[in-house]
Amino acid sequence: MTYEEALKQKKESVKNADQSVLNLYHILISPENTKESVDFIDHYLKNPDSCNDESCKKFSSSDNYQIVSIRKEDQEV
């Protein structure tokens, strides 16, 4: 799907998600290409605060994206 379609789908997913899901998972727009997706996710996980939805565009060689959920690392309280 295009970036615009992925953004719309992500917003719907976040809106409809249970709060426990949002607490446990990052919901991301990621390149559809597997290698590009892995590169983007690795970059994201190193510093999530430095990324936004458009960050995935830097890793994509096409306008094909997907929505992925990545389990958040356990945080000590």
PDB file of N, CA and C in Angstrom:
ATOM      1  N   MET A   1       0.842  -1.177   0.000  1.00  0.00           N
ATOM      2  CA  MET A   1       0.000   0.000   0.000  1.00  0.00           C
ATOM      3  C   MET A   1       0.886   1.239   0.000  1.00  0.00           C
ATOM      4  N   THR A   2       0.349   2.341  -0.437  1.00  0.00           N
ATOM      5  CA  THR A   2       1.115   3.581  -0.452  1.00  0.00           C
ATOM      6  C   THR A   2       1.324   4.080   0.978  1.00  0.00           C
ATOM      7  N   TYR A   3       2.206   5.044   1.123  1.00  0.00           N
ATOM      8  CA  TYR A   3       2.447   5.621   2.448  1.00  0.00           C
ATOM      9  C   TYR A   3       1.159   6.219   3.011  1.00  0.00           C
ATOM     10  N   GLU A   4       0.425   6.938   2.184  1.00  0.00           N
ATOM     11  CA  GLU A   4      -0.813   7.578   2.644  1.00  0.00           C
ATOM     12  C   GLU A   4      -1.835   6.535   3.115  1.00  0.00           C
ATOM     13  N   GLU A   5      -1.940   5.427   2.389  1.00  0.00           N
ATOM     14  CA  GLU A   5      -2.843   4.348   2.792  1.00  0.00           C
ATOM     15  C   GLU A   5      -2.374   3.717   4.108  1.00  0.00           C
ATOM     16  N   ALA A   6      -1.066   3.527   4.231  1.00  0.00           N
ATOM     17  CA  ALA A   6      -0.505   2.931   5.448  1.00  0.00           C
ATOM     18  C   ALA A   6      -0.733   3.849   6.647  1.00  0.00           C
ATOM     19  N   LEU A   7      -0.574   5.154   6.455  1.00  0.00           N
ATOM     20  CA  LEU A   7      -0.792   6.097   7.540  1.00  0.00           C
ATOM     21  C   LEU A   7      -2.246   6.055   8.008  1.00  0.00           C
ATOM     22  N   LYS A   8      -3.156   6.003   7.059  1.00  0.00           N
ATOM     23  CA  LYS A   8      -4.582   5.923   7.395  1.00  0.00           C
ATOM     24  C   LYS A   8      -4.873   4.625   8.158  1.00  0.00           C
ATOM     25  N   GLN A   9      -4.308   3.509   7.686  1.00  0.00           N
ATOM     26  CA  GLN A   9      -4.533   2.223   8.346  1.00  0.00           C
ATOM     27  C   GLN A   9      -3.926   2.215   9.747  1.00  0.00           C
ATOM     28  N   LYS A  10      -2.744   2.806   9.901  1.00  0.00           N
ATOM     29  CA  LYS A  10      -2.109   2.852  11.222  1.00  0.00           C
ATOM     30  C   LYS A  10      -2.980   3.648  12.193  1.00  0.00           C
ATOM     31  N   LYS A  11      -3.467   4.794  11.747  1.00  0.00           N
ATOM     32  CA  LYS A  11      -4.322   5.617  12.624  1.00  0.00           C
ATOM     33  C   LYS A  11      -5.557   4.849  13.055  1.00  0.00           C
ATOM     34  N   GLU A  12      -6.165   4.099  12.141  1.00  0.00           N
ATOM     35  CA  GLU A  12      -7.333   3.281  12.479  1.00  0.00           C
ATOM     36  C   GLU A  12      -6.954   2.178  13.461  1.00  0.00           C
ATOM     37  N   SER A  13      -5.807   1.553  13.227  1.00  0.00           N
ATOM     38  CA  SER A  13      -5.357   0.470  14.113  1.00  0.00           C
ATOM     39  C   SER A  13      -5.122   0.977  15.528  1.00  0.00           C
ATOM     40  N   VAL A  14      -4.467   2.126  15.650  1.00  0.00           N
ATOM     41  CA  VAL A  14      -4.197   2.697  16.966  1.00  0.00           C
ATOM     42  C   VAL A  14      -5.506   3.097  17.643  1.00  0.00           C
ATOM     43  N   LYS A  15      -6.408   3.692  16.867  1.00  0.00           N
ATOM     44  CA  LYS A  15      -7.702   4.128  17.413  1.00  0.00           C
ATOM     45  C   LYS A  15      -8.515   2.953  17.946  1.00  0.00           C
ATOM     46  N   ASN A  16      -8.443   1.817  17.267  1.00  0.00           N
ATOM     47  CA  ASN A  16      -9.253   0.654  17.629  1.00  0.00           C
ATOM     48  C   ASN A  16      -8.547  -0.327  18.564  1.00  0.00           C
ATOM     49  N   ALA A  17      -7.272  -0.091  18.830  1.00  0.00           N
ATOM     50  CA  ALA A  17      -6.496  -1.026  19.651  1.00  0.00           C
ATOM     51  C   ALA A  17      -6.833  -0.872  21.129  1.00  0.00           C
ATOM     52  N   ASP A  18      -6.807  -1.977  21.820  1.00  0.00           N
ATOM     53  CA  ASP A  18      -6.953  -1.990  23.265  1.00  0.00           C
ATOM     54  C   ASP A  18      -5.715  -1.323  23.873  1.00  0.00           C
ATOM     55  N   GLN A  19      -5.881  -0.636  24.984  1.00  0.00           N
ATOM     56  CA  GLN A  19      -4.759   0.059  25.617  1.00  0.00           C
ATOM     57  C   GLN A  19      -3.619  -0.896  25.980  1.00  0.00           C
ATOM     58  N   SER A  20      -3.937  -2.124  26.359  1.00  0.00           N
ATOM     59  CA  SER A  20      -2.879  -3.078  26.706  1.00  0.00           C
ATOM     60  C   SER A  20      -2.004  -3.399  25.493  1.00  0.00           C
ATOM     61  N   VAL A  21      -2.602  -3.433  24.318  1.00  0.00           N
ATOM     62  CA  VAL A  21      -1.825  -3.662  23.088  1.00  0.00           C
ATOM     63  C   VAL A  21      -0.894  -2.477  22.849  1.00  0.00           C
ATOM     64  N   LEU A  22      -1.409  -1.273  23.024  1.00  0.00           N
ATOM     65  CA  LEU A  22      -0.586  -0.082  22.817  1.00  0.00           C
ATOM     66  C   LEU A  22       0.552   0.006  23.833  1.00  0.00           C
ATOM     67  N   ASN A  23       0.328  -0.535  25.028  1.00  0.00           N
ATOM     68  CA  ASN A  23       1.383  -0.540  26.041  1.00  0.00           C
ATOM     69  C   ASN A  23       2.466  -1.574  25.742  1.00  0.00           C
ATOM     70  N   LEU A  24       2.115  -2.642  25.038  1.00  0.00           N
ATOM     71  CA  LEU A  24       3.058  -3.736  24.787  1.00  0.00           C
ATOM     72  C   LEU A  24       3.754  -3.673  23.429  1.00  0.00           C
ATOM     73  N   TYR A  25       3.166  -2.957  22.464  1.00  0.00           N
ATOM     74  CA  TYR A  25       3.680  -2.989  21.099  1.00  0.00           C
ATOM     75  C   TYR A  25       3.861  -1.604  20.502  1.00  0.00           C
ATOM     76  N   HIS A  26       4.911  -1.465  19.690  1.00  0.00           N
ATOM     77  CA  HIS A  26       5.073  -0.315  18.815  1.00  0.00           C
ATOM     78  C   HIS A  26       4.284  -0.654  17.551  1.00  0.00           C
ATOM     79  N   ILE A  27       3.470   0.236  17.069  1.00  0.00           N
ATOM     80  CA  ILE A  27       2.775   0.041  15.795  1.00  0.00           C
ATOM     81  C   ILE A  27       3.426   0.985  14.809  1.00  0.00           C
ATOM     82  N   LEU A  28       4.027   0.396  13.774  1.00  0.00           N
ATOM     83  CA  LEU A  28       4.863   1.171  12.856  1.00  0.00           C
ATOM     84  C   LEU A  28       4.428   1.023  11.410  1.00  0.00           C
ATOM     85  N   ILE A  29       4.724   2.051  10.633  1.00  0.00           N
ATOM     86  CA  ILE A  29       4.669   1.944   9.179  1.00  0.00           C
ATOM     87  C   ILE A  29       6.075   1.559   8.767  1.00  0.00           C
ATOM     88  N   SER A  30       6.183   0.524   7.967  1.00  0.00           N
ATOM     89  CA  SER A  30       7.485  -0.007   7.582  1.00  0.00           C
ATOM     90  C   SER A  30       7.500  -0.288   6.080  1.00  0.00           C
ATOM     91  N   PRO A  31       8.673  -0.196   5.454  1.00  0.00           N
ATOM     92  CA  PRO A  31       8.743  -0.575   4.039  1.00  0.00           C
ATOM     93  C   PRO A  31       8.258  -2.008   3.845  1.00  0.00           C
ATOM     94  N   GLU A  32       7.613  -2.262   2.731  1.00  0.00           N
ATOM     95  CA  GLU A  32       7.101  -3.606   2.446  1.00  0.00           C
ATOM     96  C   GLU A  32       8.229  -4.586   2.128  1.00  0.00           C
ATOM     97  N   ASN A  33       9.295  -4.088   1.516  1.00  0.00           N
ATOM     98  CA  ASN A  33      10.455  -4.915   1.190  1.00  0.00           C
ATOM     99  C   ASN A  33      11.074  -5.427   2.494  1.00  0.00           C
ATOM    100  N   THR A  34      11.292  -6.732   2.590  1.00  0.00           N
ATOM    101  CA  THR A  34      11.735  -7.352   3.839  1.00  0.00           C
ATOM    102  C   THR A  34      13.063  -6.785   4.338  1.00  0.00           C
ATOM    103  N   LYS A  35      14.060  -6.695   3.477  1.00  0.00           N
ATOM    104  CA  LYS A  35      15.361  -6.173   3.921  1.00  0.00           C
ATOM    105  C   LYS A  35      15.241  -4.724   4.374  1.00  0.00           C
ATOM    106  N   GLU A  36      14.516  -3.923   3.613  1.00  0.00           N
ATOM    107  CA  GLU A  36      14.338  -2.520   3.993  1.00  0.00           C
ATOM    108  C   GLU A  36      13.571  -2.408   5.304  1.00  0.00           C
ATOM    109  N   SER A  37      12.601  -3.278   5.503  1.00  0.00           N
ATOM    110  CA  SER A  37      11.825  -3.289   6.741  1.00  0.00           C
ATOM    111  C   SER A  37      12.713  -3.629   7.937  1.00  0.00           C
ATOM    112  N   VAL A  38      13.546  -4.639   7.791  1.00  0.00           N
ATOM    113  CA  VAL A  38      14.461  -5.031   8.865  1.00  0.00           C
ATOM    114  C   VAL A  38      15.415  -3.877   9.188  1.00  0.00           C
ATOM    115  N   ASP A  39      15.949  -3.233   8.160  1.00  0.00           N
ATOM    116  CA  ASP A  39      16.845  -2.099   8.380  1.00  0.00           C
ATOM    117  C   ASP A  39      16.135  -0.969   9.122  1.00  0.00           C
ATOM    118  N   PHE A  40      14.908  -0.679   8.709  1.00  0.00           N
ATOM    119  CA  PHE A  40      14.148   0.385   9.366  1.00  0.00           C
ATOM    120  C   PHE A  40      13.841   0.026  10.820  1.00  0.00           C
ATOM    121  N   ILE A  41      13.382  -1.191  11.057  1.00  0.00           N
ATOM    122  CA  ILE A  41      13.038  -1.604  12.423  1.00  0.00           C
ATOM    123  C   ILE A  41      14.263  -1.568  13.326  1.00  0.00           C
ATOM    124  N   ASP A  42      15.412  -2.021  12.814  1.00  0.00           N
ATOM    125  CA  ASP A  42      16.650  -1.946  13.600  1.00  0.00           C
ATOM    126  C   ASP A  42      16.962  -0.496  13.967  1.00  0.00           C
ATOM    127  N   HIS A  43      16.830   0.389  12.991  1.00  0.00           N
ATOM    128  CA  HIS A  43      17.063   1.819  13.231  1.00  0.00           C
ATOM    129  C   HIS A  43      16.077   2.347  14.270  1.00  0.00           C
ATOM    130  N   TYR A  44      14.818   2.013  14.120  1.00  0.00           N
ATOM    131  CA  TYR A  44      13.775   2.473  15.031  1.00  0.00           C
ATOM    132  C   TYR A  44      14.047   2.009  16.463  1.00  0.00           C
ATOM    133  N   LEU A  45      14.373   0.747  16.631  1.00  0.00           N
ATOM    134  CA  LEU A  45      14.560   0.192  17.967  1.00  0.00           C
ATOM    135  C   LEU A  45      15.767   0.783  18.694  1.00  0.00           C
ATOM    136  N   LYS A  46      16.743   1.284  17.943  1.00  0.00           N
ATOM    137  CA  LYS A  46      17.905   1.913  18.574  1.00  0.00           C
ATOM    138  C   LYS A  46      17.523   3.215  19.265  1.00  0.00           C
ATOM    139  N   ASN A  47      16.559   3.944  18.684  1.00  0.00           N
ATOM    140  CA  ASN A  47      16.149   5.209  19.277  1.00  0.00           C
ATOM    141  C   ASN A  47      14.752   5.595  18.796  1.00  0.00           C
ATOM    142  N   PRO A  48      13.711   4.997  19.384  1.00  0.00           N
ATOM    143  CA  PRO A  48      12.339   5.265  18.938  1.00  0.00           C
ATOM    144  C   PRO A  48      11.945   6.738  18.977  1.00  0.00           C
ATOM    145  N   ASP A  49      12.483   7.470  19.930  1.00  0.00           N
ATOM    146  CA  ASP A  49      12.108   8.883  20.067  1.00  0.00           C
ATOM    147  C   ASP A  49      12.597   9.743  18.908  1.00  0.00           C
ATOM    148  N   SER A  50      13.588   9.258  18.181  1.00  0.00           N
ATOM    149  CA  SER A  50      14.113  10.048  17.064  1.00  0.00           C
ATOM    150  C   SER A  50      13.344   9.772  15.760  1.00  0.00           C
ATOM    151  N   CYS A  51      12.386   8.864  15.795  1.00  0.00           N
ATOM    152  CA  CYS A  51      11.643   8.476  14.599  1.00  0.00           C
ATOM    153  C   CYS A  51      10.203   8.965  14.662  1.00  0.00           C
ATOM    154  N   ASN A  52       9.643   9.179  13.473  1.00  0.00           N
ATOM    155  CA  ASN A  52       8.215   9.455  13.349  1.00  0.00           C
ATOM    156  C   ASN A  52       7.689   8.610  12.193  1.00  0.00           C
ATOM    157  N   ASP A  53       6.425   8.753  11.853  1.00  0.00           N
ATOM    158  CA  ASP A  53       5.848   7.920  10.799  1.00  0.00           C
ATOM    159  C   ASP A  53       6.597   8.057   9.481  1.00  0.00           C
ATOM    160  N   GLU A  54       7.055   9.246   9.169  1.00  0.00           N
ATOM    161  CA  GLU A  54       7.732   9.467   7.886  1.00  0.00           C
ATOM    162  C   GLU A  54       9.153   8.921   7.848  1.00  0.00           C
ATOM    163  N   SER A  55       9.715   8.556   8.982  1.00  0.00           N
ATOM    164  CA  SER A  55      11.081   8.029   9.017  1.00  0.00           C
ATOM    165  C   SER A  55      11.254   6.811   8.127  1.00  0.00           C
ATOM    166  N   CYS A  56      10.198   6.032   7.963  1.00  0.00           N
ATOM    167  CA  CYS A  56      10.287   4.811   7.161  1.00  0.00           C
ATOM    168  C   CYS A  56      10.582   5.119   5.691  1.00  0.00           C
ATOM    169  N   LYS A  57      10.225   6.317   5.247  1.00  0.00           N
ATOM    170  CA  LYS A  57      10.436   6.668   3.834  1.00  0.00           C
ATOM    171  C   LYS A  57      11.917   6.650   3.450  1.00  0.00           C
ATOM    172  N   LYS A  58      12.787   6.964   4.402  1.00  0.00           N
ATOM    173  CA  LYS A  58      14.233   6.979   4.132  1.00  0.00           C
ATOM    174  C   LYS A  58      14.772   5.588   3.829  1.00  0.00           C
ATOM    175  N   PHE A  59      14.035   4.556   4.239  1.00  0.00           N
ATOM    176  CA  PHE A  59      14.499   3.184   4.090  1.00  0.00           C
ATOM    177  C   PHE A  59      13.831   2.450   2.924  1.00  0.00           C
ATOM    178  N   SER A  60      12.882   3.105   2.278  1.00  0.00           N
ATOM    179  CA  SER A  60      12.103   2.443   1.229  1.00  0.00           C
ATOM    180  C   SER A  60      12.550   2.866  -0.161  1.00  0.00           C
ATOM    181  N   SER A  61      12.717   1.895  -1.033  1.00  0.00           N
ATOM    182  CA  SER A  61      13.088   2.180  -2.426  1.00  0.00           C
ATOM    183  C   SER A  61      11.853   2.304  -3.314  1.00  0.00           C
ATOM    184  N   SER A  62      10.671   2.133  -2.715  1.00  0.00           N
ATOM    185  CA  SER A  62       9.423   2.247  -3.478  1.00  0.00           C
ATOM    186  C   SER A  62       8.364   2.855  -2.564  1.00  0.00           C
ATOM    187  N   ASP A  63       7.184   3.053  -3.082  1.00  0.00           N
ATOM    188  CA  ASP A  63       6.093   3.589  -2.269  1.00  0.00           C
ATOM    189  C   ASP A  63       5.178   2.450  -1.827  1.00  0.00           C
ATOM    190  N   ASN A  64       5.795   1.386  -1.317  1.00  0.00           N
ATOM    191  CA  ASN A  64       5.041   0.230  -0.826  1.00  0.00           C
ATOM    192  C   ASN A  64       5.373   0.028   0.642  1.00  0.00           C
ATOM    193  N   TYR A  65       4.325   0.094   1.474  1.00  0.00           N
ATOM    194  CA  TYR A  65       4.511   0.029   2.917  1.00  0.00           C
ATOM    195  C   TYR A  65       3.546  -0.974   3.529  1.00  0.00           C
ATOM    196  N   GLN A  66       3.811  -1.285   4.790  1.00  0.00           N
ATOM    197  CA  GLN A  66       2.965  -2.192   5.554  1.00  0.00           C
ATOM    198  C   GLN A  66       2.921  -1.695   6.994  1.00  0.00           C
ATOM    199  N   ILE A  67       1.968  -2.193   7.740  1.00  0.00           N
ATOM    200  CA  ILE A  67       1.883  -1.890   9.164  1.00  0.00           C
ATOM    201  C   ILE A  67       2.431  -3.095   9.923  1.00  0.00           C
ATOM    202  N   VAL A  68       3.336  -2.838  10.840  1.00  0.00           N
ATOM    203  CA  VAL A  68       3.905  -3.912  11.649  1.00  0.00           C
ATOM    204  C   VAL A  68       3.778  -3.545  13.126  1.00  0.00           C
ATOM    205  N   SER A  69       3.710  -4.561  13.952  1.00  0.00           N
ATOM    206  CA  SER A  69       3.737  -4.332  15.396  1.00  0.00           C
ATOM    207  C   SER A  69       4.961  -5.049  15.947  1.00  0.00           C
ATOM    208  N   ILE A  70       5.697  -4.324  16.763  1.00  0.00           N
ATOM    209  CA  ILE A  70       6.928  -4.832  17.347  1.00  0.00           C
ATOM    210  C   ILE A  70       6.775  -4.768  18.863  1.00  0.00           C
ATOM    211  N   ARG A  71       7.001  -5.884  19.498  1.00  0.00           N
ATOM    212  CA  ARG A  71       6.870  -5.920  20.964  1.00  0.00           C
ATOM    213  C   ARG A  71       7.891  -4.974  21.590  1.00  0.00           C
ATOM    214  N   LYS A  72       7.430  -4.159  22.519  1.00  0.00           N
ATOM    215  CA  LYS A  72       8.316  -3.257  23.239  1.00  0.00           C
ATOM    216  C   LYS A  72       9.165  -4.067  24.191  1.00  0.00           C
ATOM    217  N   GLU A  73      10.392  -3.627  24.375  1.00  0.00           N
ATOM    218  CA  GLU A  73      11.267  -4.294  25.338  1.00  0.00           C
ATOM    219  C   GLU A  73      10.747  -4.032  26.728  1.00  0.00           C
ATOM    220  N   ASP A  74      10.944  -5.001  27.595  1.00  0.00           N
ATOM    221  CA  ASP A  74      10.499  -4.835  28.982  1.00  0.00           C
ATOM    222  C   ASP A  74      11.209  -3.648  29.607  1.00  0.00           C
ATOM    223  N   GLN A  75      10.431  -2.822  30.267  1.00  0.00           N
ATOM    224  CA  GLN A  75      10.996  -1.663  30.931  1.00  0.00           C
ATOM    225  C   GLN A  75      10.888  -1.863  32.424  1.00  0.00           C
ATOM    226  N   GLU A  76      11.979  -1.579  33.115  1.00  0.00           N
ATOM    227  CA  GLU A  76      11.953  -1.710  34.574  1.00  0.00           C
ATOM    228  C   GLU A  76      11.176  -0.551  35.160  1.00  0.00           C
ATOM    229  N   VAL A  77      10.405  -0.850  36.177  1.00  0.00           N
ATOM    230  CA  VAL A  77       9.594   0.178  36.833  1.00  0.00           C
ATOM    231  C   VAL A  77      10.350   0.783  37.996  1.00  0.00           C
TER     232      VAL A  77
END
